[in-house]
Amino acid sequence: MPPEEIPQRPYLLRAMHAWISDNGQTPYIVVDAAAPGAEVPQQYVHDGRIVLNISYDAVAHLDLGNEFLQFQARFSGTPWRVSVPVSAVLGIYAQESGRGMIFAGEGADSPQVPPPEPEPPPPAGVGRPHLKVVK
């Protein structure tokens, strides 16, 4: 990725959040809680990850920025200001259907698509097809 290229992940997160919300479902994210800059309630971290409900009903002041995802929420009645680097978000999905997007491994910006295979050349002696108009 060239240094001046803007990462895709924040745009994909915003798009998936809107799509899930517009379909009347609940957007959840999976976060690498050990990532530098991740500020999450540690008592809810399991195996280094935390799952967070980021629906408009569950959080206040949701900001899906290019570098950080931030919001205010209550965990067991205690208010928290959650701040997560977008690069620490491992995936986003709808709780009701499980549909969503998982991001590629560490340092990757988005799911990677392999380059297309080149088409093989036509066999020798085979030219352009000839069509004839039949009336």
N, C-alpha and C. Protein backbone atom coordinates (compact mmCIF):
# COMPACT_ATOMS: atom_id res chain seq x y z
N MET A 1 0.86 -1.17 0.00
CA MET A 1 0.00 0.00 0.00
C MET A 1 0.90 1.23 0.00
N PRO A 2 0.69 2.15 -0.93
CA PRO A 2 1.48 3.39 -0.92
C PRO A 2 1.22 4.16 0.37
N PRO A 3 2.22 4.90 0.88
CA PRO A 3 2.06 5.61 2.16
C PRO A 3 0.90 6.61 2.17
N GLU A 4 0.55 7.19 1.03
CA GLU A 4 -0.50 8.21 1.01
C GLU A 4 -1.90 7.61 0.89
N GLU A 5 -1.99 6.30 0.68
CA GLU A 5 -3.30 5.67 0.52
C GLU A 5 -4.05 5.61 1.85
N ILE A 6 -5.32 5.96 1.83
CA ILE A 6 -6.16 5.92 3.02
C ILE A 6 -6.62 4.47 3.23
N PRO A 7 -6.53 3.95 4.45
CA PRO A 7 -6.97 2.57 4.71
C PRO A 7 -8.46 2.39 4.43
N GLN A 8 -8.82 1.17 4.02
CA GLN A 8 -10.22 0.84 3.73
C GLN A 8 -11.02 0.52 4.98
N ARG A 9 -10.38 -0.02 6.00
CA ARG A 9 -11.10 -0.55 7.15
C ARG A 9 -12.10 0.44 7.77
N PRO A 10 -11.75 1.72 8.00
CA PRO A 10 -12.77 2.60 8.61
C PRO A 10 -13.99 2.79 7.71
N TYR A 11 -13.79 2.80 6.41
CA TYR A 11 -14.91 2.96 5.49
C TYR A 11 -15.78 1.70 5.48
N LEU A 12 -15.14 0.55 5.52
CA LEU A 12 -15.89 -0.71 5.56
C LEU A 12 -16.66 -0.83 6.87
N LEU A 13 -16.05 -0.40 7.98
CA LEU A 13 -16.75 -0.44 9.27
C LEU A 13 -17.99 0.45 9.25
N ARG A 14 -17.83 1.67 8.73
CA ARG A 14 -18.98 2.59 8.67
C ARG A 14 -20.08 2.02 7.77
N ALA A 15 -19.68 1.47 6.63
CA ALA A 15 -20.66 0.92 5.70
C ALA A 15 -21.39 -0.28 6.30
N MET A 16 -20.66 -1.18 6.94
CA MET A 16 -21.30 -2.35 7.55
C MET A 16 -22.18 -1.93 8.72
N HIS A 17 -21.74 -0.96 9.51
CA HIS A 17 -22.56 -0.48 10.63
C HIS A 17 -23.87 0.07 10.10
N ALA A 18 -23.81 0.87 9.03
CA ALA A 18 -25.03 1.45 8.45
C ALA A 18 -25.92 0.35 7.88
N TRP A 19 -25.33 -0.60 7.17
CA TRP A 19 -26.11 -1.68 6.56
C TRP A 19 -26.81 -2.52 7.62
N ILE A 20 -26.09 -2.89 8.66
CA ILE A 20 -26.67 -3.70 9.74
C ILE A 20 -27.79 -2.92 10.43
N SER A 21 -27.51 -1.65 10.76
CA SER A 21 -28.51 -0.81 11.44
C SER A 21 -29.74 -0.59 10.57
N ASP A 22 -29.53 -0.31 9.27
CA ASP A 22 -30.65 -0.07 8.36
C ASP A 22 -31.53 -1.30 8.19
N ASN A 23 -30.97 -2.47 8.44
CA ASN A 23 -31.74 -3.71 8.34
C ASN A 23 -32.37 -4.10 9.67
N GLY A 24 -32.36 -3.17 10.64
CA GLY A 24 -33.01 -3.41 11.92
C GLY A 24 -32.30 -4.43 12.79
N GLN A 25 -31.01 -4.63 12.56
CA GLN A 25 -30.24 -5.59 13.34
C GLN A 25 -29.24 -4.85 14.23
N THR A 26 -28.54 -5.59 15.06
CA THR A 26 -27.65 -5.02 16.07
C THR A 26 -26.19 -5.24 15.69
N PRO A 27 -25.45 -4.15 15.42
CA PRO A 27 -24.04 -4.31 15.05
C PRO A 27 -23.15 -4.57 16.26
N TYR A 28 -22.34 -5.61 16.16
CA TYR A 28 -21.36 -5.96 17.17
C TYR A 28 -19.99 -5.94 16.51
N ILE A 29 -18.97 -5.55 17.28
CA ILE A 29 -17.61 -5.62 16.78
C ILE A 29 -16.79 -6.54 17.68
N VAL A 30 -15.79 -7.17 17.09
CA VAL A 30 -14.82 -7.97 17.83
C VAL A 30 -13.53 -7.18 17.80
N VAL A 31 -12.95 -6.96 19.00
CA VAL A 31 -11.78 -6.09 19.14
C VAL A 31 -10.63 -6.84 19.77
N ASP A 32 -9.43 -6.60 19.26
CA ASP A 32 -8.21 -7.07 19.90
C ASP A 32 -7.95 -6.14 21.09
N ALA A 33 -8.31 -6.59 22.27
CA ALA A 33 -8.24 -5.74 23.47
C ALA A 33 -6.82 -5.44 23.90
N ALA A 34 -5.84 -6.21 23.40
CA ALA A 34 -4.44 -5.99 23.77
C ALA A 34 -3.74 -5.04 22.81
N ALA A 35 -4.43 -4.56 21.80
CA ALA A 35 -3.81 -3.66 20.82
C ALA A 35 -3.44 -2.34 21.50
N PRO A 36 -2.28 -1.77 21.13
CA PRO A 36 -1.90 -0.48 21.70
C PRO A 36 -2.98 0.57 21.44
N GLY A 37 -3.37 1.28 22.48
CA GLY A 37 -4.38 2.33 22.37
C GLY A 37 -5.80 1.87 22.63
N ALA A 38 -6.02 0.57 22.80
CA ALA A 38 -7.37 0.08 23.06
C ALA A 38 -7.74 0.34 24.51
N GLU A 39 -8.80 1.11 24.72
CA GLU A 39 -9.29 1.42 26.06
C GLU A 39 -10.68 0.81 26.19
N VAL A 40 -10.71 -0.39 26.79
CA VAL A 40 -11.94 -1.15 26.96
C VAL A 40 -11.98 -1.67 28.39
N PRO A 41 -13.18 -1.98 28.91
CA PRO A 41 -13.26 -2.55 30.27
C PRO A 41 -12.65 -3.95 30.29
N GLN A 42 -11.53 -4.09 30.95
CA GLN A 42 -10.77 -5.34 30.94
C GLN A 42 -11.51 -6.53 31.55
N GLN A 43 -12.46 -6.29 32.45
CA GLN A 43 -13.17 -7.41 33.07
C GLN A 43 -14.07 -8.15 32.07
N TYR A 44 -14.27 -7.59 30.89
CA TYR A 44 -15.09 -8.24 29.87
C TYR A 44 -14.26 -8.82 28.72
N VAL A 45 -12.95 -8.80 28.88
CA VAL A 45 -12.05 -9.33 27.86
C VAL A 45 -11.89 -10.84 28.08
N HIS A 46 -12.03 -11.61 27.00
CA HIS A 46 -11.85 -13.07 27.04
C HIS A 46 -10.90 -13.46 25.91
N ASP A 47 -9.85 -14.18 26.26
CA ASP A 47 -8.86 -14.62 25.27
C ASP A 47 -8.29 -13.46 24.47
N GLY A 48 -8.12 -12.31 25.14
CA GLY A 48 -7.52 -11.15 24.49
C GLY A 48 -8.45 -10.36 23.60
N ARG A 49 -9.72 -10.76 23.57
CA ARG A 49 -10.70 -10.08 22.72
C ARG A 49 -11.91 -9.65 23.52
N ILE A 50 -12.58 -8.64 22.99
CA ILE A 50 -13.83 -8.18 23.59
C ILE A 50 -14.84 -7.97 22.46
N VAL A 51 -16.08 -8.35 22.73
CA VAL A 51 -17.17 -8.15 21.77
C VAL A 51 -18.02 -7.01 22.31
N LEU A 52 -18.26 -6.02 21.45
CA LEU A 52 -18.97 -4.82 21.87
C LEU A 52 -20.19 -4.55 20.99
N ASN A 53 -21.31 -4.26 21.62
CA ASN A 53 -22.52 -3.85 20.93
C ASN A 53 -22.35 -2.37 20.61
N ILE A 54 -22.35 -2.01 19.32
CA ILE A 54 -22.19 -0.60 18.96
C ILE A 54 -23.45 -0.06 18.27
N SER A 55 -24.61 -0.59 18.69
CA SER A 55 -25.87 -0.07 18.14
C SER A 55 -26.14 1.31 18.74
N TYR A 56 -26.95 2.09 18.04
CA TYR A 56 -27.30 3.42 18.53
C TYR A 56 -28.09 3.34 19.83
N ASP A 57 -28.77 2.22 20.09
CA ASP A 57 -29.51 2.05 21.33
C ASP A 57 -28.59 1.74 22.52
N ALA A 58 -27.41 1.17 22.24
CA ALA A 58 -26.52 0.72 23.31
C ALA A 58 -25.44 1.72 23.68
N VAL A 59 -25.11 2.63 22.76
CA VAL A 59 -24.00 3.55 23.01
C VAL A 59 -24.44 4.99 22.78
N ALA A 60 -23.64 5.90 23.31
CA ALA A 60 -23.86 7.33 23.09
C ALA A 60 -22.60 7.91 22.46
N HIS A 61 -22.79 8.92 21.66
CA HIS A 61 -21.68 9.66 21.04
C HIS A 61 -20.78 8.75 20.21
N LEU A 62 -21.39 7.88 19.42
CA LEU A 62 -20.62 6.96 18.58
C LEU A 62 -19.87 7.75 17.50
N ASP A 63 -18.57 7.53 17.43
CA ASP A 63 -17.72 8.18 16.42
C ASP A 63 -16.91 7.08 15.73
N LEU A 64 -17.28 6.80 14.49
CA LEU A 64 -16.57 5.81 13.69
C LEU A 64 -15.57 6.57 12.80
N GLY A 65 -14.48 7.00 13.42
CA GLY A 65 -13.49 7.80 12.72
C GLY A 65 -12.54 6.97 11.89
N ASN A 66 -11.63 7.64 11.20
CA ASN A 66 -10.66 6.94 10.36
C ASN A 66 -9.58 6.24 11.17
N GLU A 67 -9.26 6.77 12.36
CA GLU A 67 -8.21 6.17 13.17
C GLU A 67 -8.72 5.49 14.43
N PHE A 68 -9.79 6.04 15.02
CA PHE A 68 -10.34 5.47 16.26
C PHE A 68 -11.84 5.33 16.17
N LEU A 69 -12.35 4.31 16.85
CA LEU A 69 -13.76 4.10 17.05
C LEU A 69 -14.00 4.43 18.53
N GLN A 70 -14.87 5.40 18.81
CA GLN A 70 -15.07 5.85 20.19
C GLN A 70 -16.56 5.98 20.49
N PHE A 71 -16.89 5.71 21.76
CA PHE A 71 -18.27 5.88 22.21
C PHE A 71 -18.31 5.82 23.72
N GLN A 72 -19.47 6.17 24.26
CA GLN A 72 -19.73 6.03 25.70
C GLN A 72 -20.78 4.95 25.88
N ALA A 73 -20.57 4.12 26.89
CA ALA A 73 -21.52 3.04 27.17
C ALA A 73 -21.47 2.70 28.65
N ARG A 74 -22.44 1.91 29.07
CA ARG A 74 -22.47 1.42 30.46
C ARG A 74 -22.19 -0.07 30.46
N PHE A 75 -21.35 -0.49 31.37
CA PHE A 75 -21.03 -1.90 31.57
C PHE A 75 -21.38 -2.21 33.02
N SER A 76 -22.40 -3.02 33.22
CA SER A 76 -22.91 -3.33 34.57
C SER A 76 -23.21 -2.06 35.34
N GLY A 77 -23.77 -1.07 34.66
CA GLY A 77 -24.16 0.18 35.28
C GLY A 77 -23.05 1.21 35.41
N THR A 78 -21.83 0.84 35.11
CA THR A 78 -20.69 1.77 35.22
C THR A 78 -20.42 2.41 33.87
N PRO A 79 -20.39 3.76 33.81
CA PRO A 79 -20.13 4.42 32.53
C PRO A 79 -18.67 4.26 32.11
N TRP A 80 -18.46 4.06 30.81
CA TRP A 80 -17.13 3.91 30.24
C TRP A 80 -17.02 4.74 28.97
N ARG A 81 -15.86 5.32 28.78
CA ARG A 81 -15.52 5.94 27.49
C ARG A 81 -14.63 4.92 26.78
N VAL A 82 -15.17 4.27 25.76
CA VAL A 82 -14.44 3.24 25.02
C VAL A 82 -13.77 3.89 23.82
N SER A 83 -12.51 3.56 23.63
CA SER A 83 -11.74 4.07 22.49
C SER A 83 -10.91 2.91 21.95
N VAL A 84 -11.07 2.64 20.67
CA VAL A 84 -10.40 1.51 20.05
C VAL A 84 -9.79 1.95 18.72
N PRO A 85 -8.51 1.68 18.51
CA PRO A 85 -7.94 1.96 17.18
C PRO A 85 -8.69 1.14 16.13
N VAL A 86 -9.00 1.73 15.02
CA VAL A 86 -9.72 1.02 13.97
C VAL A 86 -8.94 -0.23 13.55
N SER A 87 -7.63 -0.17 13.60
CA SER A 87 -6.81 -1.33 13.23
C SER A 87 -6.98 -2.50 14.19
N ALA A 88 -7.52 -2.25 15.40
CA ALA A 88 -7.74 -3.32 16.39
C ALA A 88 -9.09 -4.00 16.22
N VAL A 89 -9.94 -3.48 15.34
CA VAL A 89 -11.24 -4.09 15.09
C VAL A 89 -11.03 -5.28 14.16
N LEU A 90 -11.34 -6.46 14.65
CA LEU A 90 -11.11 -7.69 13.90
C LEU A 90 -12.28 -8.06 13.01
N GLY A 91 -13.47 -7.55 13.35
CA GLY A 91 -14.64 -7.85 12.54
C GLY A 91 -15.87 -7.12 13.04
N ILE A 92 -16.90 -7.10 12.21
CA ILE A 92 -18.19 -6.50 12.56
C ILE A 92 -19.26 -7.42 12.01
N TYR A 93 -20.32 -7.65 12.82
CA TYR A 93 -21.38 -8.56 12.39
C TYR A 93 -22.70 -8.17 13.03
N ALA A 94 -23.78 -8.68 12.44
CA ALA A 94 -25.12 -8.49 12.99
C ALA A 94 -25.38 -9.60 13.99
N GLN A 95 -25.76 -9.23 15.20
CA GLN A 95 -25.99 -10.23 16.24
C GLN A 95 -27.09 -11.21 15.85
N GLU A 96 -28.13 -10.73 15.20
CA GLU A 96 -29.28 -11.57 14.90
C GLU A 96 -28.99 -12.59 13.80
N SER A 97 -28.22 -12.21 12.79
CA SER A 97 -28.01 -13.10 11.64
C SER A 97 -26.59 -13.64 11.54
N GLY A 98 -25.65 -12.99 12.22
CA GLY A 98 -24.26 -13.40 12.11
C GLY A 98 -23.58 -12.89 10.84
N ARG A 99 -24.31 -12.20 10.00
CA ARG A 99 -23.74 -11.68 8.75
C ARG A 99 -22.88 -10.47 9.04
N GLY A 100 -21.73 -10.40 8.40
CA GLY A 100 -20.85 -9.27 8.60
C GLY A 100 -19.55 -9.43 7.85
N MET A 101 -18.47 -8.94 8.44
CA MET A 101 -17.18 -8.94 7.78
C MET A 101 -16.09 -9.17 8.81
N ILE A 102 -15.18 -10.08 8.49
CA ILE A 102 -14.00 -10.33 9.30
C ILE A 102 -12.82 -9.77 8.53
N PHE A 103 -11.94 -9.06 9.23
CA PHE A 103 -10.79 -8.46 8.57
C PHE A 103 -9.61 -9.40 8.62
N ALA A 104 -8.75 -9.29 7.62
CA ALA A 104 -7.56 -10.14 7.51
C ALA A 104 -6.64 -9.91 8.70
N GLY A 105 -5.64 -10.76 8.83
CA GLY A 105 -4.72 -10.76 9.97
C GLY A 105 -4.03 -9.46 10.25
N GLU A 106 -3.11 -9.52 11.19
CA GLU A 106 -2.42 -8.35 11.71
C GLU A 106 -1.77 -7.54 10.60
N GLY A 107 -1.97 -6.23 10.68
CA GLY A 107 -1.37 -5.32 9.73
C GLY A 107 -2.14 -5.22 8.42
N ALA A 108 -3.11 -6.07 8.23
CA ALA A 108 -3.87 -6.03 6.99
C ALA A 108 -5.00 -5.02 7.14
N ASP A 109 -5.30 -4.37 6.03
CA ASP A 109 -6.33 -3.34 6.07
C ASP A 109 -7.70 -3.92 5.77
N SER A 110 -7.77 -4.90 4.93
CA SER A 110 -9.06 -5.46 4.55
C SER A 110 -8.86 -6.86 4.01
N PRO A 111 -9.96 -7.58 3.83
CA PRO A 111 -9.81 -8.91 3.25
C PRO A 111 -9.09 -8.79 1.90
N GLN A 112 -8.13 -9.66 1.69
CA GLN A 112 -7.34 -9.60 0.47
C GLN A 112 -7.95 -10.47 -0.61
N VAL A 113 -7.95 -9.97 -1.83
CA VAL A 113 -8.46 -10.70 -2.98
C VAL A 113 -7.26 -11.04 -3.85
N PRO A 114 -7.09 -12.33 -4.21
CA PRO A 114 -5.95 -12.68 -5.05
C PRO A 114 -6.08 -12.03 -6.42
N PRO A 115 -4.95 -11.73 -7.07
CA PRO A 115 -5.04 -11.13 -8.40
C PRO A 115 -5.63 -12.14 -9.38
N PRO A 116 -6.33 -11.65 -10.39
CA PRO A 116 -6.95 -12.58 -11.35
C PRO A 116 -5.88 -13.31 -12.17
N GLU A 117 -6.17 -14.54 -12.53
CA GLU A 117 -5.25 -15.32 -13.36
C GLU A 117 -5.38 -14.80 -14.79
N PRO A 118 -4.26 -14.67 -15.53
CA PRO A 118 -4.37 -14.23 -16.92
C PRO A 118 -5.03 -15.31 -17.76
N GLU A 119 -5.76 -14.88 -18.77
CA GLU A 119 -6.41 -15.84 -19.65
C GLU A 119 -5.37 -16.51 -20.53
N PRO A 120 -5.50 -17.83 -20.73
CA PRO A 120 -4.53 -18.49 -21.59
C PRO A 120 -4.70 -18.03 -23.03
N PRO A 121 -3.60 -18.04 -23.81
CA PRO A 121 -3.73 -17.63 -25.22
C PRO A 121 -4.56 -18.66 -25.99
N PRO A 122 -5.22 -18.23 -27.09
CA PRO A 122 -6.00 -19.20 -27.87
C PRO A 122 -5.07 -20.22 -28.51
N PRO A 123 -5.58 -21.43 -28.75
CA PRO A 123 -4.75 -22.45 -29.37
C PRO A 123 -4.24 -21.99 -30.74
N ALA A 124 -3.07 -22.47 -31.12
CA ALA A 124 -2.48 -22.09 -32.40
C ALA A 124 -3.40 -22.48 -33.54
N GLY A 125 -3.49 -21.62 -34.54
CA GLY A 125 -4.30 -21.90 -35.72
C GLY A 125 -5.75 -21.53 -35.55
N VAL A 126 -6.15 -21.13 -34.38
CA VAL A 126 -7.54 -20.74 -34.15
C VAL A 126 -7.61 -19.23 -34.23
N GLY A 127 -8.35 -18.74 -35.18
CA GLY A 127 -8.47 -17.29 -35.36
C GLY A 127 -9.73 -16.76 -34.76
N ARG A 128 -10.02 -15.57 -35.15
CA ARG A 128 -11.22 -14.89 -34.71
C ARG A 128 -12.46 -15.60 -35.28
N PRO A 129 -13.52 -15.77 -34.47
CA PRO A 129 -14.72 -16.43 -35.01
C PRO A 129 -15.35 -15.59 -36.12
N HIS A 130 -15.92 -16.28 -37.10
CA HIS A 130 -16.60 -15.59 -38.21
C HIS A 130 -18.09 -15.85 -38.08
N LEU A 131 -18.86 -14.79 -38.11
CA LEU A 131 -20.31 -14.91 -38.04
C LEU A 131 -20.91 -14.56 -39.38
N LYS A 132 -22.00 -15.21 -39.71
CA LYS A 132 -22.68 -14.99 -40.97
C LYS A 132 -24.12 -14.65 -40.66
N VAL A 133 -24.69 -13.62 -41.29
CA VAL A 133 -26.08 -13.24 -41.10
C VAL A 133 -26.94 -14.18 -41.91
N VAL A 134 -27.90 -14.83 -41.26
CA VAL A 134 -28.80 -15.76 -41.93
C VAL A 134 -30.19 -15.13 -41.93
N LYS A 135 -30.80 -15.08 -43.13
CA LYS A 135 -32.14 -14.48 -43.22
C LYS A 135 -33.17 -15.55 -43.52
